Amino acid sequence: MNPVEHGPLIDVARLKQLLEGRPQEQGGRRPRRAPKPVTLLDVRWSLVGPPGRESYMAGHIPGARFVDLDHQLAAPHGPGTGRHPMPAADDFQAAMRALGVSDDRTVVLYDAADSTSAARAWWLLRYFSHRDVYVLDGGYAAWIAAGLPMATGDEPWGPGGDALYAGAADGAGDFIAVPGAMPLLDADNAAKLATGGVLLDARAAARYRGEVEPIDPVAGHIPGAVSAPTGDNVGPDDRFLAPEILRTRFAALGVSGTNGRAVGVYCGSGVTAAHEVLALELAGIEAGLYAGSWSEWITDPARPVASGG
């Protein structure tokens, strides 16, 4: 697959081509082989809103299967963990296989618009060694704005059946989850980066400063971390900014692909931080994810807490 635009993003026009089973034109000539079937996953989720399944049932891209972020993209919350702990490889593998994910199939992920929750699924699939994973830039909102069809209810193929989109993959998957393909940080690694590298805090600036904390019992940030709200990675249309703009943004925060400083990202529970890792990849910068994030950090009273700007 060779998505239009760049990196791990795919746009609505290219996704439509793939779902229709049409190859992409290259240099005026079409490749001989049709594209592989696409596993399309709906990852709509809100930190404070109703379960994403309600939105899925009300309308989704035909052929998409719903992914429950809280239960399929995270392990159960327990003592000493964050709100969305890393899932075990076997559990994640089983969840993805049930959704039709296979190693030889392209996976496309989308959420409501800004890719925040889709990025969590993207990062996990990449971490567990799936090499063909993309995020729909602009999400479901971009699909609807393009005037493309939607399906309702819990039928993954939509009212037109599998003939509606010939390129949508059906059946159980055979994905094998092999951990370690993306940098993963623990609390100690994050603390070291905050002093010896660059540790970005992807939460809203007011949460970083400790002025408000609507979710976790302790406000503030990891000492030495730099505020880098993930909302600044997208434009007013909820699509990612161009790579050169992202590079300029991160350079102003002390992050560059050429200065040799290691980079890590955290947020509240490892969801929006994955969005920041994706934005950094678009900018050509590798970053580790502290998956436990702030909600894990504060479970140990010995870990320091900072506030203010």
Protein backbone atom coordinates (compact mmCIF):
# COMPACT_ATOMS: atom_id res chain seq x y z
CA MET A 1 0.00 0.00 0.00
CA ASN A 2 1.19 3.49 -0.78
CA PRO A 3 -1.17 5.97 0.88
CA VAL A 4 -1.43 9.46 -0.46
CA GLU A 5 0.04 12.30 1.53
CA HIS A 6 2.57 11.00 4.03
CA GLY A 7 3.58 8.45 6.63
CA PRO A 8 0.93 6.69 8.70
CA LEU A 9 -1.94 8.86 7.46
CA ILE A 10 -4.46 8.07 4.75
CA ASP A 11 -7.06 10.43 3.31
CA VAL A 12 -10.71 9.81 2.51
CA ALA A 13 -10.18 9.50 -1.25
CA ARG A 14 -7.53 6.81 -0.89
CA LEU A 15 -9.54 4.89 1.71
CA LYS A 16 -12.53 4.89 -0.62
CA GLN A 17 -10.31 3.46 -3.38
CA LEU A 18 -9.07 0.70 -1.13
CA LEU A 19 -12.54 -0.24 0.09
CA GLU A 20 -13.77 -0.37 -3.48
CA GLY A 21 -10.90 -2.71 -4.31
CA ARG A 22 -9.41 -0.27 -6.80
CA PRO A 23 -5.61 0.03 -7.13
CA GLN A 24 -3.96 3.41 -6.88
CA GLU A 25 -2.69 4.95 -10.07
CA GLN A 26 1.10 5.31 -10.14
CA GLY A 27 2.82 7.27 -12.87
CA GLY A 28 -0.21 7.01 -15.10
CA ARG A 29 -0.20 3.21 -14.95
CA ARG A 30 -2.08 0.92 -12.62
CA PRO A 31 -0.32 -1.86 -10.72
CA ARG A 32 -1.24 -5.34 -11.87
CA ARG A 33 -2.35 -6.52 -8.46
CA ALA A 34 -5.43 -5.21 -6.69
CA PRO A 35 -4.92 -3.89 -3.16
CA LYS A 36 -5.18 -6.26 -0.23
CA PRO A 37 -8.45 -6.32 1.73
CA VAL A 38 -8.65 -3.63 4.40
CA THR A 39 -9.52 -4.20 8.03
CA LEU A 40 -11.35 -1.01 8.98
CA LEU A 41 -11.68 -0.22 12.69
CA ASP A 42 -13.84 2.44 14.34
CA VAL A 43 -12.08 3.66 17.50
CA ARG A 44 -14.41 6.43 18.61
CA TRP A 45 -14.03 7.18 22.30
CA SER A 46 -14.26 10.15 24.64
CA LEU A 47 -12.54 10.75 27.96
CA VAL A 48 -15.72 12.09 29.51
CA GLY A 49 -18.45 11.22 27.01
CA PRO A 50 -20.70 8.20 26.44
CA PRO A 51 -19.24 4.91 25.15
CA GLY A 52 -18.13 5.10 21.54
CA ARG A 53 -20.35 2.18 20.57
CA GLU A 54 -23.37 4.48 20.72
CA SER A 55 -21.78 6.70 18.06
CA TYR A 56 -20.87 3.64 16.00
CA MET A 57 -24.42 2.32 16.11
CA ALA A 58 -25.77 5.71 15.03
CA GLY A 59 -23.49 5.78 12.00
CA HIS A 60 -20.14 4.41 10.82
CA ILE A 61 -18.14 3.81 7.66
CA PRO A 62 -19.54 0.68 5.97
CA GLY A 63 -17.40 -2.35 6.72
CA ALA A 64 -15.94 -0.93 9.93
CA ARG A 65 -15.86 -2.87 13.17
CA PHE A 66 -16.10 -1.10 16.51
CA VAL A 67 -13.12 -1.17 18.88
CA ASP A 68 -13.70 -0.65 22.60
CA LEU A 69 -10.70 1.39 23.72
CA ASP A 70 -11.25 0.78 27.44
CA HIS A 71 -11.43 -3.00 27.10
CA GLN A 72 -9.68 -4.00 23.85
CA LEU A 73 -6.88 -1.44 23.81
CA ALA A 74 -6.04 -1.55 27.53
CA ALA A 75 -5.61 -4.03 30.35
CA PRO A 76 -7.85 -3.79 33.43
CA HIS A 77 -6.94 -0.97 35.78
CA GLY A 78 -5.32 -2.13 39.00
CA PRO A 79 -3.16 -0.92 41.92
CA GLY A 80 -0.09 0.92 40.73
CA THR A 81 -1.25 1.18 37.12
CA GLY A 82 -2.56 4.03 35.05
CA ARG A 83 -6.12 4.26 33.80
CA HIS A 84 -5.32 2.49 30.53
CA PRO A 85 -2.52 -0.01 31.20
CA MET A 86 -0.73 -1.75 28.38
CA PRO A 87 -2.62 -4.89 27.34
CA ALA A 88 -0.81 -8.22 27.48
CA ALA A 89 0.32 -9.48 24.08
CA ASP A 90 -1.97 -12.53 24.17
CA ASP A 91 -5.00 -10.45 25.12
CA PHE A 92 -4.33 -7.83 22.47
CA GLN A 93 -3.72 -10.50 19.86
CA ALA A 94 -7.03 -12.20 20.67
CA ALA A 95 -8.93 -8.90 20.54
CA MET A 96 -7.42 -7.92 17.20
CA ARG A 97 -7.99 -11.35 15.65
CA ALA A 98 -11.65 -11.18 16.65
CA LEU A 99 -11.83 -7.88 14.76
CA GLY A 100 -10.37 -9.44 11.62
CA VAL A 101 -6.82 -8.12 11.95
CA SER A 102 -4.26 -10.20 10.07
CA ASP A 103 -0.57 -9.65 9.45
CA ASP A 104 -1.08 -9.55 5.67
CA ARG A 105 -3.99 -7.10 5.69
CA THR A 106 -3.84 -3.32 5.73
CA VAL A 107 -5.47 -1.88 8.85
CA VAL A 108 -7.10 1.55 8.72
CA LEU A 109 -8.25 3.21 11.93
CA TYR A 110 -10.51 6.18 12.46
CA ASP A 111 -12.27 8.04 15.25
CA ALA A 112 -14.65 10.99 15.33
CA ALA A 113 -12.28 13.55 13.84
CA ASP A 114 -8.93 14.43 15.41
CA SER A 115 -7.36 10.92 15.50
CA THR A 116 -6.73 11.05 19.26
CA SER A 117 -8.21 7.65 20.08
CA ALA A 118 -7.39 6.14 16.68
CA ALA A 119 -3.74 6.91 17.43
CA ARG A 120 -3.89 4.68 20.52
CA ALA A 121 -4.88 1.72 18.32
CA TRP A 122 -2.28 2.72 15.71
CA TRP A 123 0.48 2.80 18.33
CA LEU A 124 -0.50 -0.53 19.89
CA LEU A 125 -0.65 -2.30 16.54
CA ARG A 126 2.72 -0.85 15.62
CA TYR A 127 4.18 -1.73 19.04
CA PHE A 128 2.98 -5.31 18.61
CA SER A 129 4.65 -5.46 15.18
CA HIS A 130 1.89 -4.92 12.62
CA ARG A 131 3.64 -3.11 9.77
CA ASP A 132 0.69 -1.96 7.65
CA VAL A 133 -1.37 0.39 9.83
CA TYR A 134 -2.82 3.78 8.92
CA VAL A 135 -5.00 6.47 10.48
CA LEU A 136 -7.76 8.20 8.53
CA ASP A 137 -6.88 11.88 8.69
CA GLY A 138 -9.95 13.83 9.77
CA GLY A 139 -11.75 10.69 10.88
CA TYR A 140 -15.44 9.95 10.46
CA ALA A 141 -16.20 13.67 10.12
CA ALA A 142 -14.03 13.87 6.99
CA TRP A 143 -15.75 10.80 5.52
CA ILE A 144 -19.22 12.29 6.05
CA ALA A 145 -18.11 15.73 4.82
CA ALA A 146 -17.07 14.05 1.55
CA GLY A 147 -20.64 12.84 1.07
CA LEU A 148 -19.72 9.17 1.32
CA PRO A 149 -22.10 6.44 2.53
CA MET A 150 -22.61 5.42 6.13
CA ALA A 151 -24.03 2.33 7.81
CA THR A 152 -25.98 2.08 11.06
CA GLY A 153 -26.53 -0.55 13.70
CA ASP A 154 -24.24 -3.37 14.70
CA GLU A 155 -23.93 -5.04 11.30
CA PRO A 156 -20.27 -4.54 10.31
CA TRP A 157 -20.97 -4.79 6.59
CA GLY A 158 -23.72 -2.20 6.51
CA PRO A 159 -27.01 -2.50 4.64
CA GLY A 160 -25.30 -3.25 1.34
CA GLY A 161 -23.52 -6.37 2.56
CA ASP A 162 -19.93 -7.14 1.65
CA ALA A 163 -20.61 -6.11 -1.95
CA LEU A 164 -20.81 -2.49 -0.84
CA TYR A 165 -17.04 -2.36 -0.46
CA ALA A 166 -15.23 -5.26 -2.04
CA GLY A 167 -11.98 -4.33 -0.35
CA ALA A 168 -13.24 -4.70 3.23
CA ALA A 169 -11.75 -7.73 4.95
CA ASP A 170 -14.11 -10.27 6.51
CA GLY A 171 -13.57 -13.16 8.89
CA ALA A 172 -11.32 -13.80 11.86
CA GLY A 173 -7.75 -12.59 11.67
CA ASP A 174 -4.43 -14.32 12.21
CA PHE A 175 -2.44 -11.39 13.64
CA ILE A 176 0.54 -12.41 15.79
CA ALA A 177 1.35 -9.83 18.48
CA VAL A 178 5.11 -9.50 18.98
CA PRO A 179 5.90 -6.72 21.48
CA GLY A 180 8.71 -4.22 21.24
CA ALA A 181 8.49 -2.69 17.76
CA MET A 182 7.96 0.83 19.16
CA PRO A 183 9.83 2.47 22.08
CA LEU A 184 7.96 1.98 25.37
CA LEU A 185 8.87 3.86 28.55
CA ASP A 186 8.26 3.10 32.20
CA ALA A 187 8.21 5.64 35.04
CA ASP A 188 11.97 5.48 35.57
CA ASN A 189 12.68 6.02 31.88
CA ALA A 190 10.28 8.97 31.83
CA ALA A 191 12.00 10.57 34.84
CA LYS A 192 15.40 10.22 33.16
CA LEU A 193 14.16 11.78 29.94
CA ALA A 194 12.72 14.72 31.87
CA THR A 195 16.26 15.66 32.92
CA GLY A 196 18.51 14.15 30.25
CA GLY A 197 16.34 14.36 27.14
CA VAL A 198 12.95 15.84 26.33
CA LEU A 199 9.76 14.58 27.97
CA LEU A 200 6.62 16.05 26.43
CA ASP A 201 3.34 16.32 28.33
CA ALA A 202 0.54 15.94 25.79
CA ARG A 203 -2.31 17.05 28.08
CA ALA A 204 -4.02 20.41 27.97
CA ALA A 205 -1.77 23.19 29.29
CA ALA A 206 -4.01 23.90 32.29
CA ARG A 207 -3.70 20.29 33.43
CA TYR A 208 0.07 20.42 32.97
CA ARG A 209 0.24 23.55 35.15
CA GLY A 210 -1.95 21.90 37.78
CA GLU A 211 -4.66 24.56 37.56
CA VAL A 212 -7.35 21.98 36.85
CA GLU A 213 -7.49 18.20 37.03
CA PRO A 214 -10.85 16.78 35.97
CA ILE A 215 -9.81 13.12 35.93
CA ASP A 216 -6.92 12.19 38.22
CA PRO A 217 -6.71 12.69 42.01
CA VAL A 218 -3.45 14.69 41.86
CA ALA A 219 -2.80 17.74 39.69
CA GLY A 220 0.50 18.83 38.16
CA HIS A 221 3.17 17.29 35.96
CA ILE A 222 6.37 15.25 36.01
CA PRO A 223 9.21 17.62 37.00
CA GLY A 224 11.23 18.68 33.97
CA ALA A 225 8.53 17.78 31.45
CA VAL A 226 7.63 20.25 28.70
CA SER A 227 4.02 21.19 28.00
CA ALA A 228 3.04 20.15 24.45
CA PRO A 229 -0.76 19.88 24.17
CA THR A 230 -1.66 17.34 21.53
CA GLY A 231 -4.47 19.57 20.28
CA ASP A 232 -1.78 21.75 18.72
CA ASN A 233 -0.87 18.92 16.33
CA VAL A 234 -4.04 19.42 14.30
CA GLY A 235 -5.68 22.32 12.54
CA PRO A 236 -9.23 23.69 12.83
CA ASP A 237 -10.43 20.84 10.60
CA ASP A 238 -9.01 18.27 13.07
CA ARG A 239 -6.50 17.06 10.48
CA PHE A 240 -2.80 16.83 11.22
CA LEU A 241 -0.68 19.83 10.39
CA ALA A 242 1.83 19.47 7.57
CA PRO A 243 5.11 17.76 8.56
CA GLU A 244 7.15 20.93 8.16
CA ILE A 245 4.80 22.81 10.49
CA LEU A 246 5.00 20.00 13.03
CA ARG A 247 8.80 20.04 12.82
CA THR A 248 8.79 23.77 13.55
CA ARG A 249 6.42 23.25 16.46
CA PHE A 250 8.51 20.54 18.06
CA ALA A 251 11.78 22.37 17.43
CA ALA A 252 10.42 25.26 19.50
CA LEU A 253 9.87 22.75 22.32
CA GLY A 254 13.47 21.52 22.12
CA VAL A 255 12.71 18.46 20.01
CA SER A 256 14.64 17.83 16.82
CA GLY A 257 15.57 14.77 14.87
CA THR A 258 19.15 16.03 14.61
CA ASN A 259 20.13 17.25 18.08
CA GLY A 260 20.62 13.78 19.53
CA ARG A 261 18.25 14.30 22.47
CA ALA A 262 16.00 11.33 23.22
CA VAL A 263 12.27 12.12 23.26
CA GLY A 264 9.40 10.68 25.27
CA VAL A 265 5.72 11.54 25.62
CA TYR A 266 3.11 11.05 28.32
CA CYS A 267 -0.42 12.27 28.97
CA GLY A 268 -3.11 11.28 31.45
CA SER A 269 -3.35 7.59 30.62
CA GLY A 270 -1.43 6.90 27.41
CA VAL A 271 -4.11 7.81 24.86
CA THR A 272 -3.40 11.36 23.71
CA ALA A 273 0.32 10.70 24.16
CA ALA A 274 0.05 8.15 21.33
CA HIS A 275 -1.39 10.95 19.18
CA GLU A 276 1.71 13.01 19.95
CA VAL A 277 3.97 10.09 19.02
CA LEU A 278 2.15 9.88 15.70
CA ALA A 279 2.61 13.62 15.13
CA LEU A 280 6.31 13.29 15.96
CA GLU A 281 6.62 10.45 13.45
CA LEU A 282 5.03 12.67 10.81
CA ALA A 283 7.74 15.20 11.66
CA GLY A 284 10.42 12.54 11.27
CA ILE A 285 11.18 12.19 14.98
CA GLU A 286 11.13 8.94 16.94
CA ALA A 287 9.65 9.14 20.44
CA GLY A 288 8.99 6.72 23.24
CA LEU A 289 5.57 6.44 24.88
CA TYR A 290 5.19 6.39 28.65
CA ALA A 291 2.03 4.32 28.48
CA GLY A 292 1.26 4.48 32.20
CA SER A 293 1.47 8.28 32.03
CA TRP A 294 0.34 10.69 34.75
CA SER A 295 -2.33 8.39 36.17
CA GLU A 296 0.36 5.77 36.86
CA TRP A 297 3.04 8.26 37.97
CA ILE A 298 0.94 9.53 40.85
CA THR A 299 0.22 6.06 42.27
CA ASP A 300 3.65 6.18 43.95
CA PRO A 301 3.82 8.99 46.53
CA ALA A 302 7.61 8.93 46.32
CA ARG A 303 7.51 10.26 42.78
CA PRO A 304 7.81 14.06 42.67
CA VAL A 305 5.08 16.34 41.34
CA ALA A 306 5.57 19.81 39.87
CA SER A 307 3.07 22.55 39.10
CA GLY A 308 3.03 25.86 37.34
CA GLY A 309 4.44 26.79 33.97
